[in-house]
Amino acid sequence: MKRGYHHGNLRQALVDAALVLIAEKGPTGFTLSEAAKAADVTPAAVYRHFAGRDDLIAEVARQGFEIFGALMEYAYDGGKPSALKAFEATGRAYLAFARKYPGHYMAMFESGLAPANHPDLAQVSARARAVLEQAAARLSEHLPQDRRPPASMFSAHIWAMSHGVVELFMRGNGAKSPFPPEDLLEAGIGIYLRGLGLIGADR
């Protein structure tokens, strides 16, 4: 017999069930009824907490961005020991997050959800982006204003590069690379930053 779940853990139990289903079937490969079954509750109990599957996936993504933002802040560490090393650390943190939290990662980046439709999700995703933009701004502050690329632009480029390494060379969606993902990303960041004149040719 399914449990009605009058206790306060139902919401998180559904999130945990969704994480397992997302890892198995992708963020759009299961129904809310399947999530209810996996959490061993009635479908009616689910609707007390989530309006539909997208609402549940948005909560999974929100929790993922909370973890991701905290990891990015920890990696950045206030720009220590140097602006460059801190910037590179945020790239490595992206790969580490994707490796350790695949269900969250897929909900965040592969579910097709628009953060603007989920205010809580938009807020935490903006926090994660802000860490990378801060790292980018710090890295470029030594350049004259007229030669300084917008931090939001080149932080977005690094984010895209990190995402590409994850998708192609960590999650098996592309050709197998003879180089570790971390080495690919670090080399790519170095080439990109040298091209912008943010670091010297000897770095």
N, C-alpha and C. Protein backbone atom coordinates (compact mmCIF):
# COMPACT_ATOMS: atom_id res chain seq x y z
N MET A 1 0.84 -1.19 0.00
CA MET A 1 0.00 0.00 0.00
C MET A 1 0.88 1.25 0.00
N LYS A 2 0.54 2.20 -0.84
CA LYS A 2 1.34 3.43 -0.93
C LYS A 2 1.13 4.27 0.32
N ARG A 3 2.17 4.97 0.69
CA ARG A 3 2.10 5.85 1.84
C ARG A 3 1.56 7.22 1.44
N GLY A 4 0.78 7.81 2.31
CA GLY A 4 0.28 9.15 2.04
C GLY A 4 1.31 10.22 2.33
N TYR A 5 2.29 9.89 3.17
CA TYR A 5 3.37 10.81 3.51
C TYR A 5 2.84 12.10 4.12
N HIS A 6 2.54 12.04 5.39
CA HIS A 6 2.12 13.25 6.09
C HIS A 6 3.33 13.97 6.69
N HIS A 7 4.50 13.28 6.69
CA HIS A 7 5.68 13.92 7.27
C HIS A 7 6.31 14.88 6.26
N GLY A 8 7.29 15.64 6.74
CA GLY A 8 7.85 16.71 5.92
C GLY A 8 8.90 16.27 4.93
N ASN A 9 9.17 14.97 4.83
CA ASN A 9 10.25 14.52 3.96
C ASN A 9 9.80 14.12 2.55
N LEU A 10 8.49 14.21 2.29
CA LEU A 10 8.00 13.77 0.99
C LEU A 10 8.64 14.57 -0.14
N ARG A 11 8.72 15.88 0.01
CA ARG A 11 9.27 16.71 -1.06
C ARG A 11 10.68 16.26 -1.42
N GLN A 12 11.52 16.05 -0.41
CA GLN A 12 12.89 15.64 -0.69
C GLN A 12 12.95 14.19 -1.19
N ALA A 13 12.04 13.34 -0.70
CA ALA A 13 12.00 11.96 -1.18
C ALA A 13 11.70 11.93 -2.67
N LEU A 14 10.82 12.81 -3.13
CA LEU A 14 10.50 12.90 -4.55
C LEU A 14 11.68 13.42 -5.36
N VAL A 15 12.39 14.40 -4.81
CA VAL A 15 13.59 14.91 -5.47
C VAL A 15 14.63 13.80 -5.61
N ASP A 16 14.83 13.04 -4.53
CA ASP A 16 15.80 11.95 -4.57
C ASP A 16 15.40 10.88 -5.59
N ALA A 17 14.09 10.58 -5.65
CA ALA A 17 13.60 9.60 -6.64
C ALA A 17 13.81 10.14 -8.05
N ALA A 18 13.55 11.42 -8.24
CA ALA A 18 13.73 12.03 -9.56
C ALA A 18 15.20 11.98 -9.98
N LEU A 19 16.12 12.19 -9.05
CA LEU A 19 17.55 12.14 -9.37
C LEU A 19 17.94 10.78 -9.93
N VAL A 20 17.41 9.72 -9.34
CA VAL A 20 17.69 8.37 -9.82
C VAL A 20 17.11 8.18 -11.22
N LEU A 21 15.86 8.61 -11.42
CA LEU A 21 15.21 8.47 -12.72
C LEU A 21 15.91 9.31 -13.80
N ILE A 22 16.34 10.50 -13.44
CA ILE A 22 17.05 11.36 -14.39
C ILE A 22 18.35 10.70 -14.83
N ALA A 23 19.08 10.14 -13.87
CA ALA A 23 20.34 9.47 -14.20
C ALA A 23 20.11 8.28 -15.11
N GLU A 24 18.96 7.59 -14.93
CA GLU A 24 18.66 6.40 -15.73
C GLU A 24 18.07 6.74 -17.10
N LYS A 25 17.16 7.73 -17.14
CA LYS A 25 16.35 7.95 -18.32
C LYS A 25 16.45 9.35 -18.91
N GLY A 26 17.21 10.22 -18.25
CA GLY A 26 17.27 11.61 -18.70
C GLY A 26 16.16 12.42 -18.06
N PRO A 27 16.29 13.75 -18.08
CA PRO A 27 15.34 14.60 -17.36
C PRO A 27 13.93 14.62 -17.95
N THR A 28 13.77 14.17 -19.19
CA THR A 28 12.42 14.14 -19.77
C THR A 28 11.96 12.71 -20.06
N GLY A 29 12.65 11.74 -19.50
CA GLY A 29 12.35 10.35 -19.82
C GLY A 29 11.49 9.63 -18.80
N PHE A 30 10.88 10.36 -17.89
CA PHE A 30 10.03 9.72 -16.88
C PHE A 30 8.82 10.61 -16.61
N THR A 31 7.81 10.02 -15.99
CA THR A 31 6.59 10.74 -15.65
C THR A 31 6.56 11.03 -14.15
N LEU A 32 5.67 11.93 -13.78
CA LEU A 32 5.49 12.23 -12.36
C LEU A 32 4.98 10.99 -11.62
N SER A 33 4.16 10.20 -12.27
CA SER A 33 3.66 8.96 -11.66
C SER A 33 4.81 8.00 -11.37
N GLU A 34 5.79 7.94 -12.28
CA GLU A 34 6.96 7.08 -12.05
C GLU A 34 7.77 7.58 -10.86
N ALA A 35 7.87 8.89 -10.73
CA ALA A 35 8.58 9.45 -9.58
C ALA A 35 7.85 9.11 -8.29
N ALA A 36 6.52 9.18 -8.32
CA ALA A 36 5.72 8.82 -7.14
C ALA A 36 5.95 7.35 -6.78
N LYS A 37 5.94 6.49 -7.80
CA LYS A 37 6.15 5.06 -7.55
C LYS A 37 7.53 4.80 -6.97
N ALA A 38 8.54 5.48 -7.52
CA ALA A 38 9.90 5.30 -7.02
C ALA A 38 10.05 5.77 -5.58
N ALA A 39 9.28 6.80 -5.22
CA ALA A 39 9.31 7.31 -3.84
C ALA A 39 8.34 6.56 -2.94
N ASP A 40 7.58 5.61 -3.52
CA ASP A 40 6.62 4.79 -2.79
C ASP A 40 5.50 5.63 -2.17
N VAL A 41 4.98 6.55 -2.95
CA VAL A 41 3.86 7.37 -2.49
C VAL A 41 2.78 7.38 -3.57
N THR A 42 1.60 7.83 -3.22
CA THR A 42 0.51 7.93 -4.19
C THR A 42 0.74 9.14 -5.10
N PRO A 43 0.29 9.05 -6.34
CA PRO A 43 0.40 10.21 -7.23
C PRO A 43 -0.26 11.45 -6.65
N ALA A 44 -1.36 11.26 -5.94
CA ALA A 44 -2.05 12.41 -5.35
C ALA A 44 -1.16 13.14 -4.35
N ALA A 45 -0.33 12.39 -3.63
CA ALA A 45 0.56 13.00 -2.64
C ALA A 45 1.59 13.90 -3.32
N VAL A 46 1.99 13.53 -4.54
CA VAL A 46 2.99 14.31 -5.26
C VAL A 46 2.47 15.72 -5.53
N TYR A 47 1.21 15.81 -5.92
CA TYR A 47 0.64 17.09 -6.34
C TYR A 47 0.45 18.06 -5.17
N ARG A 48 0.63 17.59 -3.97
CA ARG A 48 0.62 18.52 -2.83
C ARG A 48 1.90 19.36 -2.81
N HIS A 49 2.92 18.88 -3.51
CA HIS A 49 4.22 19.56 -3.47
C HIS A 49 4.67 20.09 -4.83
N PHE A 50 4.25 19.42 -5.91
CA PHE A 50 4.71 19.82 -7.24
C PHE A 50 3.53 19.85 -8.20
N ALA A 51 3.47 20.92 -8.99
CA ALA A 51 2.35 21.07 -9.92
C ALA A 51 2.46 20.11 -11.10
N GLY A 52 3.65 19.66 -11.41
CA GLY A 52 3.86 18.75 -12.52
C GLY A 52 5.32 18.34 -12.57
N ARG A 53 5.68 17.56 -13.58
CA ARG A 53 7.05 17.07 -13.68
C ARG A 53 8.06 18.20 -13.81
N ASP A 54 7.73 19.22 -14.60
CA ASP A 54 8.66 20.34 -14.75
C ASP A 54 8.94 21.02 -13.42
N ASP A 55 7.94 21.10 -12.59
CA ASP A 55 8.11 21.71 -11.27
C ASP A 55 9.06 20.88 -10.42
N LEU A 56 8.94 19.56 -10.51
CA LEU A 56 9.84 18.67 -9.78
C LEU A 56 11.27 18.78 -10.32
N ILE A 57 11.42 18.77 -11.64
CA ILE A 57 12.75 18.88 -12.23
C ILE A 57 13.38 20.24 -11.89
N ALA A 58 12.56 21.29 -11.85
CA ALA A 58 13.07 22.61 -11.49
C ALA A 58 13.63 22.61 -10.07
N GLU A 59 12.99 21.86 -9.18
CA GLU A 59 13.51 21.78 -7.81
C GLU A 59 14.82 21.00 -7.77
N VAL A 60 14.91 19.94 -8.56
CA VAL A 60 16.18 19.20 -8.66
C VAL A 60 17.27 20.13 -9.18
N ALA A 61 16.95 20.90 -10.22
CA ALA A 61 17.92 21.84 -10.79
C ALA A 61 18.29 22.92 -9.79
N ARG A 62 17.30 23.41 -9.04
CA ARG A 62 17.58 24.46 -8.05
C ARG A 62 18.58 23.95 -7.01
N GLN A 63 18.34 22.73 -6.51
CA GLN A 63 19.26 22.16 -5.53
C GLN A 63 20.64 21.95 -6.15
N GLY A 64 20.65 21.56 -7.44
CA GLY A 64 21.93 21.40 -8.12
C GLY A 64 22.70 22.70 -8.21
N PHE A 65 22.01 23.78 -8.57
CA PHE A 65 22.68 25.08 -8.66
C PHE A 65 23.17 25.56 -7.29
N GLU A 66 22.44 25.19 -6.22
CA GLU A 66 22.91 25.54 -4.88
C GLU A 66 24.26 24.88 -4.61
N ILE A 67 24.34 23.59 -4.93
CA ILE A 67 25.60 22.85 -4.74
C ILE A 67 26.68 23.42 -5.66
N PHE A 68 26.32 23.63 -6.91
CA PHE A 68 27.26 24.13 -7.91
C PHE A 68 27.81 25.49 -7.51
N GLY A 69 26.92 26.40 -7.11
CA GLY A 69 27.36 27.73 -6.70
C GLY A 69 28.31 27.69 -5.52
N ALA A 70 28.00 26.81 -4.55
CA ALA A 70 28.87 26.68 -3.38
C ALA A 70 30.23 26.13 -3.78
N LEU A 71 30.25 25.16 -4.70
CA LEU A 71 31.52 24.60 -5.16
C LEU A 71 32.34 25.65 -5.92
N MET A 72 31.66 26.45 -6.74
CA MET A 72 32.37 27.48 -7.49
C MET A 72 32.98 28.52 -6.54
N GLU A 73 32.21 28.92 -5.53
CA GLU A 73 32.73 29.90 -4.56
C GLU A 73 33.91 29.33 -3.80
N TYR A 74 33.81 28.05 -3.42
CA TYR A 74 34.91 27.41 -2.70
C TYR A 74 36.15 27.34 -3.59
N ALA A 75 35.95 26.98 -4.86
CA ALA A 75 37.09 26.88 -5.79
C ALA A 75 37.72 28.24 -6.02
N TYR A 76 36.89 29.27 -6.16
CA TYR A 76 37.42 30.61 -6.42
C TYR A 76 38.20 31.14 -5.21
N ASP A 77 37.69 30.87 -4.03
CA ASP A 77 38.39 31.19 -2.78
C ASP A 77 38.83 32.65 -2.72
N GLY A 78 37.94 33.54 -3.14
CA GLY A 78 38.25 34.96 -3.04
C GLY A 78 39.39 35.41 -3.94
N GLY A 79 39.69 34.64 -4.97
CA GLY A 79 40.77 35.02 -5.89
C GLY A 79 42.15 34.57 -5.45
N LYS A 80 42.21 33.68 -4.48
CA LYS A 80 43.52 33.20 -4.01
C LYS A 80 43.87 31.87 -4.68
N PRO A 81 45.14 31.56 -4.83
CA PRO A 81 46.31 32.36 -4.48
C PRO A 81 46.64 33.45 -5.51
N SER A 82 46.05 33.35 -6.69
CA SER A 82 46.23 34.41 -7.69
C SER A 82 44.98 34.43 -8.55
N ALA A 83 44.76 35.54 -9.26
CA ALA A 83 43.58 35.67 -10.11
C ALA A 83 43.51 34.56 -11.15
N LEU A 84 44.68 34.21 -11.74
CA LEU A 84 44.70 33.18 -12.77
C LEU A 84 44.41 31.81 -12.18
N LYS A 85 45.07 31.46 -11.09
CA LYS A 85 44.86 30.14 -10.49
C LYS A 85 43.42 29.99 -10.00
N ALA A 86 42.87 31.07 -9.45
CA ALA A 86 41.49 31.02 -8.98
C ALA A 86 40.53 30.84 -10.15
N PHE A 87 40.81 31.51 -11.26
CA PHE A 87 39.97 31.39 -12.45
C PHE A 87 40.02 29.96 -12.99
N GLU A 88 41.20 29.40 -13.07
CA GLU A 88 41.35 28.02 -13.55
C GLU A 88 40.65 27.04 -12.61
N ALA A 89 40.68 27.34 -11.31
CA ALA A 89 40.04 26.45 -10.34
C ALA A 89 38.54 26.39 -10.55
N THR A 90 37.92 27.49 -11.00
CA THR A 90 36.48 27.46 -11.24
C THR A 90 36.17 26.53 -12.41
N GLY A 91 37.04 26.49 -13.41
CA GLY A 91 36.84 25.57 -14.52
C GLY A 91 36.91 24.12 -14.07
N ARG A 92 37.90 23.81 -13.23
CA ARG A 92 38.02 22.45 -12.72
C ARG A 92 36.82 22.08 -11.84
N ALA A 93 36.30 23.07 -11.11
CA ALA A 93 35.13 22.82 -10.26
C ALA A 93 33.92 22.43 -11.11
N TYR A 94 33.80 23.03 -12.29
CA TYR A 94 32.70 22.69 -13.21
C TYR A 94 32.77 21.21 -13.57
N LEU A 95 33.96 20.74 -13.94
CA LEU A 95 34.12 19.34 -14.31
C LEU A 95 33.86 18.43 -13.12
N ALA A 96 34.34 18.82 -11.95
CA ALA A 96 34.15 18.00 -10.76
C ALA A 96 32.67 17.88 -10.42
N PHE A 97 31.94 18.97 -10.57
CA PHE A 97 30.51 18.94 -10.28
C PHE A 97 29.79 17.99 -11.24
N ALA A 98 30.07 18.12 -12.53
CA ALA A 98 29.41 17.28 -13.53
C ALA A 98 29.70 15.80 -13.28
N ARG A 99 30.89 15.50 -12.81
CA ARG A 99 31.28 14.12 -12.56
C ARG A 99 30.58 13.57 -11.32
N LYS A 100 30.47 14.37 -10.28
CA LYS A 100 29.95 13.88 -9.00
C LYS A 100 28.43 13.96 -8.91
N TYR A 101 27.81 14.90 -9.63
CA TYR A 101 26.36 15.11 -9.52
C TYR A 101 25.69 15.03 -10.89
N PRO A 102 25.73 13.86 -11.54
CA PRO A 102 25.21 13.78 -12.91
C PRO A 102 23.71 14.05 -13.01
N GLY A 103 22.93 13.60 -12.02
CA GLY A 103 21.48 13.84 -12.06
C GLY A 103 21.15 15.31 -11.96
N HIS A 104 21.80 15.99 -11.04
CA HIS A 104 21.61 17.43 -10.91
C HIS A 104 22.04 18.14 -12.19
N TYR A 105 23.20 17.74 -12.71
CA TYR A 105 23.75 18.38 -13.91
C TYR A 105 22.76 18.29 -15.07
N MET A 106 22.19 17.11 -15.27
CA MET A 106 21.25 16.94 -16.38
C MET A 106 19.99 17.77 -16.17
N ALA A 107 19.51 17.82 -14.93
CA ALA A 107 18.32 18.65 -14.65
C ALA A 107 18.61 20.12 -14.91
N MET A 108 19.81 20.56 -14.58
CA MET A 108 20.19 21.96 -14.74
C MET A 108 20.36 22.36 -16.19
N PHE A 109 21.00 21.48 -16.99
CA PHE A 109 21.45 21.90 -18.31
C PHE A 109 20.81 21.15 -19.48
N GLU A 110 20.06 20.09 -19.20
CA GLU A 110 19.54 19.28 -20.30
C GLU A 110 18.04 19.07 -20.24
N SER A 111 17.36 19.75 -19.33
CA SER A 111 15.93 19.54 -19.16
C SER A 111 15.09 20.46 -20.03
N GLY A 112 15.71 21.50 -20.59
CA GLY A 112 14.95 22.45 -21.39
C GLY A 112 14.14 23.44 -20.59
N LEU A 113 14.32 23.44 -19.27
CA LEU A 113 13.58 24.39 -18.43
C LEU A 113 14.13 25.79 -18.62
N ALA A 114 13.26 26.77 -18.64
CA ALA A 114 13.67 28.17 -18.70
C ALA A 114 13.71 28.70 -17.26
N PRO A 115 14.91 29.04 -16.76
CA PRO A 115 14.98 29.55 -15.39
C PRO A 115 14.05 30.72 -15.14
N ALA A 116 13.78 31.52 -16.15
CA ALA A 116 12.91 32.69 -15.96
C ALA A 116 11.50 32.27 -15.53
N ASN A 117 11.12 31.04 -15.84
CA ASN A 117 9.79 30.56 -15.45
C ASN A 117 9.77 30.00 -14.04
N HIS A 118 10.93 29.93 -13.43
CA HIS A 118 11.05 29.38 -12.07
C HIS A 118 11.95 30.33 -11.27
N PRO A 119 11.38 31.32 -10.60
CA PRO A 119 12.17 32.38 -9.96
C PRO A 119 13.26 31.87 -9.01
N ASP A 120 12.96 30.85 -8.22
CA ASP A 120 13.97 30.33 -7.30
C ASP A 120 15.16 29.75 -8.06
N LEU A 121 14.86 29.09 -9.18
CA LEU A 121 15.92 28.51 -10.01
C LEU A 121 16.75 29.61 -10.66
N ALA A 122 16.08 30.65 -11.14
CA ALA A 122 16.79 31.77 -11.77
C ALA A 122 17.74 32.43 -10.79
N GLN A 123 17.32 32.55 -9.55
CA GLN A 123 18.14 33.22 -8.54
C GLN A 123 19.42 32.46 -8.25
N VAL A 124 19.31 31.14 -8.05
CA VAL A 124 20.51 30.37 -7.70
C VAL A 124 21.42 30.17 -8.91
N SER A 125 20.85 30.08 -10.12
CA SER A 125 21.70 29.95 -11.30
C SER A 125 22.48 31.24 -11.55
N ALA A 126 21.85 32.37 -11.25
CA ALA A 126 22.54 33.65 -11.39
C ALA A 126 23.71 33.75 -10.41
N ARG A 127 23.53 33.19 -9.22
CA ARG A 127 24.61 33.20 -8.22
C ARG A 127 25.83 32.45 -8.74
N ALA A 128 25.61 31.30 -9.37
CA ALA A 128 26.72 30.52 -9.90
C ALA A 128 27.43 31.28 -11.02
N ARG A 129 26.65 31.89 -11.90
CA ARG A 129 27.26 32.68 -13.00
C ARG A 129 28.06 33.85 -12.45
N ALA A 130 27.56 34.43 -11.37
CA ALA A 130 28.22 35.61 -10.79
C ALA A 130 29.62 35.27 -10.29
N VAL A 131 29.82 34.06 -9.80
CA VAL A 131 31.16 33.68 -9.32
C VAL A 131 32.15 33.70 -10.48
N LEU A 132 31.76 33.12 -11.61
CA LEU A 132 32.66 33.08 -12.76
C LEU A 132 32.88 34.48 -13.33
N GLU A 133 31.84 35.30 -13.32
CA GLU A 133 32.02 36.68 -13.81
C GLU A 133 32.95 37.46 -12.90
N GLN A 134 32.84 37.23 -11.59
CA GLN A 134 33.74 37.90 -10.65
C GLN A 134 35.18 37.47 -10.90
N ALA A 135 35.37 36.17 -11.12
CA ALA A 135 36.71 35.67 -11.40
C ALA A 135 37.25 36.27 -12.69
N ALA A 136 36.40 36.41 -13.69
CA ALA A 136 36.82 37.00 -14.96
C ALA A 136 37.17 38.47 -14.80
N ALA A 137 36.35 39.19 -14.06
CA ALA A 137 36.62 40.62 -13.85
C ALA A 137 37.94 40.82 -13.13
N ARG A 138 38.21 39.99 -12.15
CA ARG A 138 39.46 40.11 -11.40
C ARG A 138 40.66 39.83 -12.29
N LEU A 139 40.49 38.87 -13.19
CA LEU A 139 41.59 38.48 -14.06
C LEU A 139 41.93 39.57 -15.07
N SER A 140 40.95 40.38 -15.43
CA SER A 140 41.16 41.38 -16.48
C SER A 140 41.35 42.80 -15.94
N GLU A 141 41.32 42.97 -14.64
CA GLU A 141 41.33 44.33 -14.10
C GLU A 141 42.64 45.08 -14.35
N HIS A 142 43.72 44.36 -14.69
CA HIS A 142 45.00 45.02 -14.94
C HIS A 142 45.07 45.64 -16.34
N LEU A 143 44.12 45.28 -17.22
CA LEU A 143 44.14 45.82 -18.58
C LEU A 143 43.51 47.21 -18.62
N PRO A 144 43.97 48.08 -19.52
CA PRO A 144 43.30 49.37 -19.69
C PRO A 144 41.84 49.17 -20.07
N GLN A 145 41.00 50.08 -19.65
CA GLN A 145 39.56 49.95 -19.87
C GLN A 145 39.22 49.72 -21.34
N ASP A 146 39.91 50.40 -22.24
CA ASP A 146 39.56 50.26 -23.66
C ASP A 146 40.05 48.96 -24.28
N ARG A 147 40.87 48.22 -23.56
CA ARG A 147 41.34 46.92 -24.05
C ARG A 147 40.79 45.76 -23.23
N ARG A 148 39.91 46.06 -22.32
CA ARG A 148 39.42 45.04 -21.40
C ARG A 148 38.14 44.41 -21.94
N PRO A 149 38.14 43.11 -22.22
CA PRO A 149 36.92 42.48 -22.72
C PRO A 149 35.86 42.43 -21.62
N PRO A 150 34.59 42.48 -21.96
CA PRO A 150 33.55 42.39 -20.93
C PRO A 150 33.68 41.07 -20.16
N ALA A 151 33.71 41.16 -18.85
CA ALA A 151 33.86 39.95 -18.03
C ALA A 151 32.73 38.97 -18.29
N SER A 152 31.53 39.49 -18.52
CA SER A 152 30.39 38.60 -18.76
C SER A 152 30.56 37.82 -20.06
N MET A 153 31.27 38.43 -21.03
CA MET A 153 31.48 37.75 -22.30
C MET A 153 32.49 36.62 -22.16
N PHE A 154 33.67 36.93 -21.61
CA PHE A 154 34.66 35.86 -21.62
C PHE A 154 34.42 34.83 -20.52
N SER A 155 33.68 35.19 -19.47
CA SER A 155 33.28 34.16 -18.52
C SER A 155 32.28 33.21 -19.17
N ALA A 156 31.39 33.75 -20.04
CA ALA A 156 30.45 32.90 -20.77
C ALA A 156 31.18 31.97 -21.73
N HIS A 157 32.25 32.47 -22.35
CA HIS A 157 33.04 31.62 -23.25
C HIS A 157 33.68 30.46 -22.48
N ILE A 158 34.22 30.76 -21.30
CA ILE A 158 34.84 29.71 -20.50
C ILE A 158 33.79 28.71 -20.03
N TRP A 159 32.62 29.22 -19.65
CA TRP A 159 31.53 28.33 -19.24
C TRP A 159 31.18 27.38 -20.40
N ALA A 160 31.07 27.94 -21.62
CA ALA A 160 30.74 27.13 -22.79
C ALA A 160 31.84 26.10 -23.07
N MET A 161 33.09 26.50 -22.91
CA MET A 161 34.19 25.58 -23.11
C MET A 161 34.14 24.45 -22.09
N SER A 162 33.87 24.79 -20.83
CA SER A 162 33.77 23.78 -19.78
C SER A 162 32.64 22.81 -20.09
N HIS A 163 31.50 23.36 -20.50
CA HIS A 163 30.34 22.54 -20.82
C HIS A 163 30.65 21.60 -21.98
N GLY A 164 31.35 22.11 -22.98
CA GLY A 164 31.71 21.29 -24.13
C GLY A 164 32.62 20.14 -23.76
N VAL A 165 33.58 20.39 -22.89
CA VAL A 165 34.48 19.32 -22.44
C VAL A 165 33.67 18.25 -21.70
N VAL A 166 32.74 18.68 -20.85
CA VAL A 166 31.90 17.72 -20.13
C VAL A 166 31.10 16.86 -21.12
N GLU A 167 30.41 17.52 -22.04
CA GLU A 167 29.52 16.80 -22.94
C GLU A 167 30.27 15.87 -23.89
N LEU A 168 31.38 16.34 -24.43
CA LEU A 168 32.08 15.56 -25.45
C LEU A 168 33.03 14.52 -24.88
N PHE A 169 33.70 14.87 -23.77
CA PHE A 169 34.80 14.02 -23.34
C PHE A 169 34.65 13.43 -21.93
N MET A 170 33.57 13.78 -21.22
CA MET A 170 33.32 13.15 -19.93
C MET A 170 32.09 12.27 -19.98
N ARG A 171 31.10 12.68 -20.79
CA ARG A 171 29.83 11.96 -20.80
C ARG A 171 29.64 11.11 -22.05
N GLY A 172 30.69 10.99 -22.85
CA GLY A 172 30.66 10.07 -23.97
C GLY A 172 29.80 10.49 -25.14
N ASN A 173 29.57 11.79 -25.30
CA ASN A 173 28.75 12.25 -26.42
C ASN A 173 29.57 12.65 -27.63
N GLY A 174 30.85 12.37 -27.59
CA GLY A 174 31.73 12.71 -28.71
C GLY A 174 32.83 11.68 -28.82
N ALA A 175 33.88 12.03 -29.55
CA ALA A 175 35.01 11.12 -29.71
C ALA A 175 35.79 11.02 -28.40
N LYS A 176 36.40 9.87 -28.19
CA LYS A 176 37.22 9.68 -27.00
C LYS A 176 38.50 10.49 -27.14
N SER A 177 38.85 11.21 -26.09
CA SER A 177 40.05 12.04 -26.12
C SER A 177 41.22 11.30 -25.48
N PRO A 178 42.43 11.44 -26.04
CA PRO A 178 43.60 10.83 -25.41
C PRO A 178 44.07 11.62 -24.19
N PHE A 179 43.43 12.77 -23.93
CA PHE A 179 43.84 13.63 -22.83
C PHE A 179 42.74 13.68 -21.75
N PRO A 180 43.14 13.78 -20.49
CA PRO A 180 42.14 13.92 -19.43
C PRO A 180 41.33 15.20 -19.63
N PRO A 181 40.04 15.20 -19.26
CA PRO A 181 39.21 16.39 -19.43
C PRO A 181 39.81 17.63 -18.79
N GLU A 182 40.42 17.46 -17.60
CA GLU A 182 41.00 18.61 -16.93
C GLU A 182 42.13 19.23 -17.74
N ASP A 183 42.94 18.38 -18.39
CA ASP A 183 44.04 18.89 -19.21
C ASP A 183 43.50 19.62 -20.45
N LEU A 184 42.46 19.06 -21.06
CA LEU A 184 41.85 19.71 -22.21
C LEU A 184 41.34 21.10 -21.85
N LEU A 185 40.64 21.17 -20.72
CA LEU A 185 40.07 22.45 -20.32
C LEU A 185 41.15 23.46 -19.96
N GLU A 186 42.14 23.03 -19.20
CA GLU A 186 43.20 23.96 -18.79
C GLU A 186 43.96 24.50 -20.01
N ALA A 187 44.24 23.62 -20.98
CA ALA A 187 44.94 24.07 -22.20
C ALA A 187 44.06 25.04 -22.98
N GLY A 188 42.77 24.73 -23.09
CA GLY A 188 41.85 25.60 -23.81
C GLY A 188 41.72 26.96 -23.16
N ILE A 189 41.64 26.98 -21.84
CA ILE A 189 41.56 28.26 -21.11
C ILE A 189 42.83 29.07 -21.35
N GLY A 190 43.98 28.39 -21.29
CA GLY A 190 45.25 29.09 -21.49
C GLY A 190 45.34 29.72 -22.87
N ILE A 191 44.97 28.97 -23.91
CA ILE A 191 45.01 29.50 -25.28
C ILE A 191 44.07 30.69 -25.41
N TYR A 192 42.87 30.55 -24.85
CA TYR A 192 41.87 31.61 -24.95
C TYR A 192 42.34 32.89 -24.24
N LEU A 193 42.86 32.73 -23.03
CA LEU A 193 43.28 33.90 -22.26
C LEU A 193 44.50 34.58 -22.89
N ARG A 194 45.39 33.78 -23.47
CA ARG A 194 46.54 34.39 -24.17
C ARG A 194 46.06 35.17 -25.38
N GLY A 195 45.06 34.63 -26.08
CA GLY A 195 44.52 35.33 -27.24
C GLY A 195 43.90 36.67 -26.89
N LEU A 196 43.33 36.77 -25.70
CA LEU A 196 42.74 38.03 -25.24
C LEU A 196 43.79 38.97 -24.65
N GLY A 197 45.01 38.48 -24.49
CA GLY A 197 46.06 39.29 -23.88
C GLY A 197 45.94 39.37 -22.37
N LEU A 198 45.20 38.41 -21.79
CA LEU A 198 45.01 38.44 -20.34
C LEU A 198 46.16 37.79 -19.59
N ILE A 199 46.87 36.89 -20.27
CA ILE A 199 48.06 36.30 -19.66
C ILE A 199 49.17 36.32 -20.72
N GLY A 200 50.41 36.25 -20.28
CA GLY A 200 51.54 36.30 -21.19
C GLY A 200 51.71 35.02 -21.97
N ALA A 201 52.48 35.09 -23.04
CA ALA A 201 52.71 33.94 -23.90
C ALA A 201 53.47 32.83 -23.19
N ASP A 202 54.16 33.18 -22.10
CA ASP A 202 54.96 32.17 -21.40
C ASP A 202 54.15 31.36 -20.41
N ARG A 203 52.86 31.70 -20.22
CA ARG A 203 52.05 30.97 -19.25
C ARG A 203 51.37 29.78 -19.91
